[in-house]
Amino acid sequence: MKTLSIIILPLLLILAACSSKAEPTDVDNNTNATDTTAPVVDVAVGAKFFMNTCTPCHGATGRGDGAASASLDPKPRDFSDSAWQTSIDDEYLSNVIKYGGAGVGKSPVMPANPILNSDPDTLLSLVAYIRTLKE
């Protein structure tokens, strides 16, 4: 038994030494590094999403006069309305876009865009674009 202990103890010490984490030898202390987790707002990306997804109801200029709006009740939101724009914050607008009207206690005619839950850059870019439609 003593012989077995003499063999096992050194093996355990070697295994423990091999599994310990080595200290990093090359640490990047660059304080000017870009934070890649911060969302990127690009109004052109928001405009493209708007044109591809929102214009049938909200219209090309966001006035709520898209081709499909004639048959909708209530009518789509007019994004050029500066009083409305001032009355809501970006988080509320983002939630309406992501969850649809029914998801925020508004008209179920406004569809949800769940794809934007996993694409915060496009969502924030869309909100930024909608803000440019204010008169």
C-alpha atoms as a PDB file:
ATOM      1  CA  MET A   1       0.000   0.000   0.000  1.00  0.00           C
ATOM      2  CA  LYS A   2       2.875   2.342   0.859  1.00  0.00           C
ATOM      3  CA  THR A   3       4.413   1.731  -2.583  1.00  0.00           C
ATOM      4  CA  LEU A   4       1.115   2.596  -4.266  1.00  0.00           C
ATOM      5  CA  SER A   5       0.952   5.880  -2.318  1.00  0.00           C
ATOM      6  CA  ILE A   6       4.494   6.764  -3.366  1.00  0.00           C
ATOM      7  CA  ILE A   7       3.480   6.365  -7.027  1.00  0.00           C
ATOM      8  CA  ILE A   8       0.029   7.997  -6.866  1.00  0.00           C
ATOM      9  CA  LEU A   9       0.996  11.098  -4.853  1.00  0.00           C
ATOM     10  CA  PRO A  10       3.575  12.392  -7.381  1.00  0.00           C
ATOM     11  CA  LEU A  11       1.148  11.678 -10.252  1.00  0.00           C
ATOM     12  CA  LEU A  12      -1.561  13.709  -8.540  1.00  0.00           C
ATOM     13  CA  LEU A  13       0.858  16.593  -7.977  1.00  0.00           C
ATOM     14  CA  ILE A  14       1.882  16.539 -11.651  1.00  0.00           C
ATOM     15  CA  LEU A  15      -1.757  16.499 -12.784  1.00  0.00           C
ATOM     16  CA  ALA A  16      -2.597  19.395 -10.462  1.00  0.00           C
ATOM     17  CA  ALA A  17       0.310  21.437 -11.794  1.00  0.00           C
ATOM     18  CA  CYS A  18      -0.660  20.772 -15.408  1.00  0.00           C
ATOM     19  CA  SER A  19      -4.281  21.754 -14.895  1.00  0.00           C
ATOM     20  CA  SER A  20      -3.610  25.070 -13.147  1.00  0.00           C
ATOM     21  CA  LYS A  21      -4.278  28.149 -15.204  1.00  0.00           C
ATOM     22  CA  ALA A  22      -1.242  29.938 -16.483  1.00  0.00           C
ATOM     23  CA  GLU A  23      -0.992  33.664 -15.973  1.00  0.00           C
ATOM     24  CA  PRO A  24      -1.454  35.604 -19.204  1.00  0.00           C
ATOM     25  CA  THR A  25       1.872  36.712 -20.587  1.00  0.00           C
ATOM     26  CA  ASP A  26       0.601  39.046 -23.305  1.00  0.00           C
ATOM     27  CA  VAL A  27      -1.987  41.411 -21.866  1.00  0.00           C
ATOM     28  CA  ASP A  28      -3.394  44.109 -24.133  1.00  0.00           C
ATOM     29  CA  ASN A  29      -3.725  47.238 -22.037  1.00  0.00           C
ATOM     30  CA  ASN A  30      -4.881  49.382 -24.942  1.00  0.00           C
ATOM     31  CA  THR A  31      -7.445  51.735 -23.462  1.00  0.00           C
ATOM     32  CA  ASN A  32      -8.473  52.901 -26.935  1.00  0.00           C
ATOM     33  CA  ALA A  33      -9.820  49.479 -27.950  1.00  0.00           C
ATOM     34  CA  THR A  34     -13.212  49.553 -29.643  1.00  0.00           C
ATOM     35  CA  ASP A  35     -16.088  48.047 -27.671  1.00  0.00           C
ATOM     36  CA  THR A  36     -17.547  45.586 -30.159  1.00  0.00           C
ATOM     37  CA  THR A  37     -20.594  44.935 -27.981  1.00  0.00           C
ATOM     38  CA  ALA A  38     -21.973  48.463 -28.320  1.00  0.00           C
ATOM     39  CA  PRO A  39     -24.867  48.677 -30.793  1.00  0.00           C
ATOM     40  CA  VAL A  40     -24.161  50.330 -34.113  1.00  0.00           C
ATOM     41  CA  VAL A  41     -26.752  52.849 -35.271  1.00  0.00           C
ATOM     42  CA  ASP A  42     -26.845  53.359 -39.036  1.00  0.00           C
ATOM     43  CA  VAL A  43     -29.807  55.379 -40.307  1.00  0.00           C
ATOM     44  CA  ALA A  44     -29.298  53.912 -43.810  1.00  0.00           C
ATOM     45  CA  VAL A  45     -29.788  50.404 -42.401  1.00  0.00           C
ATOM     46  CA  GLY A  46     -32.942  51.606 -40.641  1.00  0.00           C
ATOM     47  CA  ALA A  47     -34.209  53.219 -43.849  1.00  0.00           C
ATOM     48  CA  LYS A  48     -33.651  49.992 -45.780  1.00  0.00           C
ATOM     49  CA  PHE A  49     -35.565  47.948 -43.186  1.00  0.00           C
ATOM     50  CA  PHE A  50     -38.343  50.540 -43.185  1.00  0.00           C
ATOM     51  CA  MET A  51     -38.644  50.497 -46.979  1.00  0.00           C
ATOM     52  CA  ASN A  52     -38.696  46.691 -47.092  1.00  0.00           C
ATOM     53  CA  THR A  53     -41.013  46.077 -44.152  1.00  0.00           C
ATOM     54  CA  CYS A  54     -42.946  49.150 -43.030  1.00  0.00           C
ATOM     55  CA  THR A  55     -43.887  51.069 -46.192  1.00  0.00           C
ATOM     56  CA  PRO A  56     -46.897  48.923 -47.168  1.00  0.00           C
ATOM     57  CA  CYS A  57     -48.749  50.388 -44.194  1.00  0.00           C
ATOM     58  CA  HIS A  58     -46.795  53.474 -43.083  1.00  0.00           C
ATOM     59  CA  GLY A  59     -45.931  54.689 -46.603  1.00  0.00           C
ATOM     60  CA  ALA A  60     -42.588  55.667 -48.063  1.00  0.00           C
ATOM     61  CA  THR A  61     -42.510  58.926 -46.089  1.00  0.00           C
ATOM     62  CA  GLY A  62     -43.943  57.427 -42.888  1.00  0.00           C
ATOM     63  CA  ARG A  63     -47.195  59.374 -42.914  1.00  0.00           C
ATOM     64  CA  GLY A  64     -49.371  56.292 -42.458  1.00  0.00           C
ATOM     65  CA  ASP A  65     -50.506  56.407 -46.067  1.00  0.00           C
ATOM     66  CA  GLY A  66     -49.073  53.189 -47.504  1.00  0.00           C
ATOM     67  CA  ALA A  67     -50.993  51.138 -50.059  1.00  0.00           C
ATOM     68  CA  ALA A  68     -52.339  48.774 -47.382  1.00  0.00           C
ATOM     69  CA  SER A  69     -53.456  51.593 -45.075  1.00  0.00           C
ATOM     70  CA  ALA A  70     -56.732  52.171 -46.941  1.00  0.00           C
ATOM     71  CA  SER A  71     -58.142  48.930 -45.566  1.00  0.00           C
ATOM     72  CA  LEU A  72     -56.780  49.273 -42.022  1.00  0.00           C
ATOM     73  CA  ASP A  73     -58.686  50.422 -38.968  1.00  0.00           C
ATOM     74  CA  PRO A  74     -57.137  52.086 -37.097  1.00  0.00           C
ATOM     75  CA  LYS A  75     -54.899  53.753 -39.645  1.00  0.00           C
ATOM     76  CA  PRO A  76     -51.136  53.295 -39.269  1.00  0.00           C
ATOM     77  CA  ARG A  77     -49.189  55.810 -37.201  1.00  0.00           C
ATOM     78  CA  ASP A  78     -48.067  59.006 -38.933  1.00  0.00           C
ATOM     79  CA  PHE A  79     -44.391  59.221 -38.002  1.00  0.00           C
ATOM     80  CA  SER A  80     -44.136  62.822 -39.213  1.00  0.00           C
ATOM     81  CA  ASP A  81     -46.338  63.955 -36.301  1.00  0.00           C
ATOM     82  CA  SER A  82     -43.834  65.836 -34.127  1.00  0.00           C
ATOM     83  CA  ALA A  83     -46.180  65.926 -31.105  1.00  0.00           C
ATOM     84  CA  TRP A  84     -46.419  62.132 -31.137  1.00  0.00           C
ATOM     85  CA  GLN A  85     -42.656  61.782 -31.697  1.00  0.00           C
ATOM     86  CA  THR A  86     -41.995  63.973 -28.662  1.00  0.00           C
ATOM     87  CA  SER A  87     -44.474  62.026 -26.530  1.00  0.00           C
ATOM     88  CA  ILE A  88     -42.717  58.644 -26.799  1.00  0.00           C
ATOM     89  CA  ASP A  89     -39.219  57.428 -26.047  1.00  0.00           C
ATOM     90  CA  ASP A  90     -37.022  55.106 -28.087  1.00  0.00           C
ATOM     91  CA  GLU A  91     -37.648  52.143 -25.783  1.00  0.00           C
ATOM     92  CA  TYR A  92     -41.418  52.356 -26.305  1.00  0.00           C
ATOM     93  CA  LEU A  93     -40.992  52.660 -30.066  1.00  0.00           C
ATOM     94  CA  SER A  94     -38.608  49.682 -30.046  1.00  0.00           C
ATOM     95  CA  ASN A  95     -41.144  47.605 -28.120  1.00  0.00           C
ATOM     96  CA  VAL A  96     -43.962  48.430 -30.545  1.00  0.00           C
ATOM     97  CA  ILE A  97     -41.714  47.426 -33.435  1.00  0.00           C
ATOM     98  CA  LYS A  98     -40.528  44.176 -31.818  1.00  0.00           C
ATOM     99  CA  TYR A  99     -43.763  43.019 -30.169  1.00  0.00           C
ATOM    100  CA  GLY A 100     -46.397  44.594 -32.407  1.00  0.00           C
ATOM    101  CA  GLY A 101     -49.418  46.600 -31.378  1.00  0.00           C
ATOM    102  CA  ALA A 102     -51.023  43.780 -29.421  1.00  0.00           C
ATOM    103  CA  GLY A 103     -47.802  43.280 -27.467  1.00  0.00           C
ATOM    104  CA  VAL A 104     -47.973  46.814 -26.056  1.00  0.00           C
ATOM    105  CA  GLY A 105     -51.731  47.162 -25.659  1.00  0.00           C
ATOM    106  CA  LYS A 106     -52.340  48.862 -28.998  1.00  0.00           C
ATOM    107  CA  SER A 107     -53.976  47.738 -32.228  1.00  0.00           C
ATOM    108  CA  PRO A 108     -53.251  44.129 -33.196  1.00  0.00           C
ATOM    109  CA  VAL A 109     -53.131  45.329 -36.817  1.00  0.00           C
ATOM    110  CA  MET A 110     -49.518  46.410 -36.219  1.00  0.00           C
ATOM    111  CA  PRO A 111     -47.527  43.182 -36.681  1.00  0.00           C
ATOM    112  CA  ALA A 112     -44.628  42.129 -34.496  1.00  0.00           C
ATOM    113  CA  ASN A 113     -41.086  41.936 -35.856  1.00  0.00           C
ATOM    114  CA  PRO A 114     -39.542  39.272 -33.608  1.00  0.00           C
ATOM    115  CA  ILE A 115     -36.508  38.976 -35.889  1.00  0.00           C
ATOM    116  CA  LEU A 116     -35.329  42.285 -34.436  1.00  0.00           C
ATOM    117  CA  ASN A 117     -35.072  40.761 -30.939  1.00  0.00           C
ATOM    118  CA  SER A 118     -31.780  39.254 -32.055  1.00  0.00           C
ATOM    119  CA  ASP A 119     -30.667  42.221 -34.170  1.00  0.00           C
ATOM    120  CA  PRO A 120     -30.329  45.261 -31.884  1.00  0.00           C
ATOM    121  CA  ASP A 121     -28.267  47.196 -34.443  1.00  0.00           C
ATOM    122  CA  THR A 122     -31.059  47.108 -37.036  1.00  0.00           C
ATOM    123  CA  LEU A 123     -33.718  47.848 -34.398  1.00  0.00           C
ATOM    124  CA  LEU A 124     -31.877  50.925 -33.118  1.00  0.00           C
ATOM    125  CA  SER A 125     -31.151  51.991 -36.690  1.00  0.00           C
ATOM    126  CA  LEU A 126     -34.849  51.696 -37.557  1.00  0.00           C
ATOM    127  CA  VAL A 127     -35.820  53.778 -34.534  1.00  0.00           C
ATOM    128  CA  ALA A 128     -33.220  56.382 -35.545  1.00  0.00           C
ATOM    129  CA  TYR A 129     -34.633  56.440 -39.081  1.00  0.00           C
ATOM    130  CA  ILE A 130     -38.218  56.849 -37.824  1.00  0.00           C
ATOM    131  CA  ARG A 131     -37.007  59.807 -35.751  1.00  0.00           C
ATOM    132  CA  THR A 132     -35.805  61.480 -38.972  1.00  0.00           C
ATOM    133  CA  LEU A 133     -39.381  61.465 -40.314  1.00  0.00           C
ATOM    134  CA  LYS A 134     -40.544  64.019 -37.719  1.00  0.00           C
ATOM    135  CA  GLU A 135     -41.540  67.360 -39.204  1.00  0.00           C
END
